[in-house]
């Protein structure tokens, strides 16, 4: 863990946490005190950590990110590409929790 504090504006925090990912796998990882969010492609791990801690008032242990490349799809003979998606799996400290069904 780094000790340097990164300054993130309140507007940027709301941009970073776009929406929670609610899938079967995301529900399974919630048993291990983890939550999954969709974030912008340019968001860094320290920014994500700071945003989750400030917006949800919880202590974050770790942040893991993954980028899913967009698929090429066909519709009525025309090809198009879905956008790339970046997800952040946030591990919360023991005893902390986030209710993703309620809004901010």
C-alpha atoms as a PDB file:
ATOM      1  CA  UNK A   1       0.000   0.000   0.000  1.00  0.00           C
ATOM      2  CA  UNK A   2       1.308   3.423  -0.867  1.00  0.00           C
ATOM      3  CA  UNK A   3       1.247   6.182   1.707  1.00  0.00           C
ATOM      4  CA  UNK A   4       0.945   9.096  -0.725  1.00  0.00           C
ATOM      5  CA  UNK A   5      -2.470  10.729  -0.773  1.00  0.00           C
ATOM      6  CA  UNK A   6      -4.003  11.474  -4.143  1.00  0.00           C
ATOM      7  CA  UNK A   7      -6.355  14.441  -4.479  1.00  0.00           C
ATOM      8  CA  UNK A   8      -9.527  13.561  -6.373  1.00  0.00           C
ATOM      9  CA  UNK A   9     -12.306  16.113  -6.838  1.00  0.00           C
ATOM     10  CA  UNK A  10     -15.891  15.294  -5.850  1.00  0.00           C
ATOM     11  CA  UNK A  11     -17.003  15.509  -9.501  1.00  0.00           C
ATOM     12  CA  UNK A  12     -14.275  13.071 -10.571  1.00  0.00           C
ATOM     13  CA  UNK A  13     -15.359  10.627  -7.828  1.00  0.00           C
ATOM     14  CA  UNK A  14     -18.869  10.523  -9.234  1.00  0.00           C
ATOM     15  CA  UNK A  15     -17.435  10.025 -12.753  1.00  0.00           C
ATOM     16  CA  UNK A  16     -15.190   7.166 -11.609  1.00  0.00           C
ATOM     17  CA  UNK A  17     -17.936   5.035 -10.035  1.00  0.00           C
ATOM     18  CA  UNK A  18     -20.226   4.686 -13.048  1.00  0.00           C
ATOM     19  CA  UNK A  19     -22.425   1.809 -11.886  1.00  0.00           C
ATOM     20  CA  UNK A  20     -22.247  -1.439  -9.956  1.00  0.00           C
ATOM     21  CA  UNK A  21     -21.868  -4.637 -11.974  1.00  0.00           C
ATOM     22  CA  UNK A  22     -24.719  -6.953 -11.004  1.00  0.00           C
ATOM     23  CA  UNK A  23     -24.118 -10.429 -12.418  1.00  0.00           C
ATOM     24  CA  UNK A  24     -23.963 -13.958 -11.030  1.00  0.00           C
ATOM     25  CA  UNK A  25     -20.201 -13.741 -10.591  1.00  0.00           C
ATOM     26  CA  UNK A  26     -20.426 -10.319  -8.911  1.00  0.00           C
ATOM     27  CA  UNK A  27     -22.992 -11.766  -6.494  1.00  0.00           C
ATOM     28  CA  UNK A  28     -20.684 -14.680  -5.696  1.00  0.00           C
ATOM     29  CA  UNK A  29     -17.710 -12.418  -4.908  1.00  0.00           C
ATOM     30  CA  UNK A  30     -19.856 -10.394  -2.511  1.00  0.00           C
ATOM     31  CA  UNK A  31     -19.564 -13.374  -0.127  1.00  0.00           C
ATOM     32  CA  UNK A  32     -15.817 -12.609   0.032  1.00  0.00           C
ATOM     33  CA  UNK A  33     -16.449  -8.948   0.965  1.00  0.00           C
ATOM     34  CA  UNK A  34     -15.869  -7.696  -2.595  1.00  0.00           C
ATOM     35  CA  UNK A  35     -17.886  -5.340  -4.806  1.00  0.00           C
ATOM     36  CA  UNK A  36     -17.576  -4.837  -8.583  1.00  0.00           C
ATOM     37  CA  UNK A  37     -18.014  -1.450 -10.306  1.00  0.00           C
ATOM     38  CA  UNK A  38     -17.802  -0.275 -13.915  1.00  0.00           C
ATOM     39  CA  UNK A  39     -15.244   2.533 -14.171  1.00  0.00           C
ATOM     40  CA  UNK A  40     -13.794   4.721 -16.977  1.00  0.00           C
ATOM     41  CA  UNK A  41     -10.896   3.325 -19.003  1.00  0.00           C
ATOM     42  CA  UNK A  42      -8.549   6.041 -17.701  1.00  0.00           C
ATOM     43  CA  UNK A  43      -9.308   5.498 -13.986  1.00  0.00           C
ATOM     44  CA  UNK A  44      -6.348   4.421 -11.861  1.00  0.00           C
ATOM     45  CA  UNK A  45      -6.407   2.125  -8.838  1.00  0.00           C
ATOM     46  CA  UNK A  46      -5.611   4.916  -6.319  1.00  0.00           C
ATOM     47  CA  UNK A  47      -8.411   7.056  -7.806  1.00  0.00           C
ATOM     48  CA  UNK A  48     -10.885   4.158  -7.543  1.00  0.00           C
ATOM     49  CA  UNK A  49      -9.832   3.451  -3.938  1.00  0.00           C
ATOM     50  CA  UNK A  50     -10.255   7.111  -2.940  1.00  0.00           C
ATOM     51  CA  UNK A  51     -13.650   7.416  -4.681  1.00  0.00           C
ATOM     52  CA  UNK A  52     -15.099   4.287  -3.045  1.00  0.00           C
ATOM     53  CA  UNK A  53     -13.799   5.258   0.401  1.00  0.00           C
ATOM     54  CA  UNK A  54     -15.178   8.810   0.170  1.00  0.00           C
ATOM     55  CA  UNK A  55     -18.545   8.101  -1.486  1.00  0.00           C
ATOM     56  CA  UNK A  56     -19.515   4.971   0.476  1.00  0.00           C
ATOM     57  CA  UNK A  57     -17.651   5.777   3.745  1.00  0.00           C
ATOM     58  CA  UNK A  58     -15.907   2.369   3.881  1.00  0.00           C
ATOM     59  CA  UNK A  59     -12.305   1.147   4.222  1.00  0.00           C
ATOM     60  CA  UNK A  60     -10.856  -0.463   1.075  1.00  0.00           C
ATOM     61  CA  UNK A  61      -8.220  -3.206   1.367  1.00  0.00           C
ATOM     62  CA  UNK A  62      -7.460  -3.760  -2.334  1.00  0.00           C
ATOM     63  CA  UNK A  63      -8.513  -2.751  -5.848  1.00  0.00           C
ATOM     64  CA  UNK A  64      -8.153  -5.085  -8.831  1.00  0.00           C
ATOM     65  CA  UNK A  65      -9.032  -3.901 -12.344  1.00  0.00           C
ATOM     66  CA  UNK A  66      -9.707  -5.665 -15.622  1.00  0.00           C
ATOM     67  CA  UNK A  67     -10.370  -4.336 -19.099  1.00  0.00           C
ATOM     68  CA  UNK A  68     -12.746  -6.230 -21.375  1.00  0.00           C
ATOM     69  CA  UNK A  69     -12.223  -5.528 -25.062  1.00  0.00           C
ATOM     70  CA  UNK A  70     -15.369  -4.801 -27.086  1.00  0.00           C
ATOM     71  CA  UNK A  71     -16.719  -7.453 -29.422  1.00  0.00           C
ATOM     72  CA  UNK A  72     -17.371  -7.051 -33.128  1.00  0.00           C
ATOM     73  CA  UNK A  73     -21.069  -7.595 -33.889  1.00  0.00           C
ATOM     74  CA  UNK A  74     -23.185  -7.635 -37.029  1.00  0.00           C
ATOM     75  CA  UNK A  75     -26.630  -6.067 -37.343  1.00  0.00           C
ATOM     76  CA  UNK A  76     -28.529  -6.076 -40.660  1.00  0.00           C
ATOM     77  CA  UNK A  77     -25.331  -6.664 -42.611  1.00  0.00           C
ATOM     78  CA  UNK A  78     -23.404  -3.833 -40.969  1.00  0.00           C
ATOM     79  CA  UNK A  79     -20.536  -4.521 -38.619  1.00  0.00           C
ATOM     80  CA  UNK A  80     -20.040  -2.536 -35.466  1.00  0.00           C
ATOM     81  CA  UNK A  81     -17.856  -2.703 -32.410  1.00  0.00           C
ATOM     82  CA  UNK A  82     -18.997  -2.564 -28.827  1.00  0.00           C
ATOM     83  CA  UNK A  83     -17.019  -0.289 -26.564  1.00  0.00           C
ATOM     84  CA  UNK A  84     -14.270  -1.464 -24.237  1.00  0.00           C
ATOM     85  CA  UNK A  85     -15.264  -1.787 -20.564  1.00  0.00           C
ATOM     86  CA  UNK A  86     -13.118  -1.482 -17.456  1.00  0.00           C
ATOM     87  CA  UNK A  87     -14.265  -3.110 -14.222  1.00  0.00           C
ATOM     88  CA  UNK A  88     -12.892  -2.640 -10.726  1.00  0.00           C
ATOM     89  CA  UNK A  89     -13.207  -5.369  -8.090  1.00  0.00           C
ATOM     90  CA  UNK A  90     -12.932  -3.637  -4.727  1.00  0.00           C
ATOM     91  CA  UNK A  91     -12.076  -5.708  -1.632  1.00  0.00           C
ATOM     92  CA  UNK A  92     -13.468  -4.127   1.512  1.00  0.00           C
ATOM     93  CA  UNK A  93     -11.998  -4.308   5.020  1.00  0.00           C
ATOM     94  CA  UNK A  94     -13.389  -6.844   7.489  1.00  0.00           C
ATOM     95  CA  UNK A  95     -16.824  -5.804   8.757  1.00  0.00           C
ATOM     96  CA  UNK A  96     -17.416  -3.239   5.960  1.00  0.00           C
ATOM     97  CA  UNK A  97     -20.179  -3.569   3.353  1.00  0.00           C
ATOM     98  CA  UNK A  98     -21.777  -1.649   0.485  1.00  0.00           C
ATOM     99  CA  UNK A  99     -25.428  -2.019  -0.490  1.00  0.00           C
ATOM    100  CA  UNK A 100     -25.285  -1.725  -4.293  1.00  0.00           C
ATOM    101  CA  UNK A 101     -29.077  -1.892  -4.680  1.00  0.00           C
ATOM    102  CA  UNK A 102     -29.488   1.556  -3.087  1.00  0.00           C
ATOM    103  CA  UNK A 103     -28.237   4.679  -4.815  1.00  0.00           C
ATOM    104  CA  UNK A 104     -25.571   7.122  -3.679  1.00  0.00           C
END
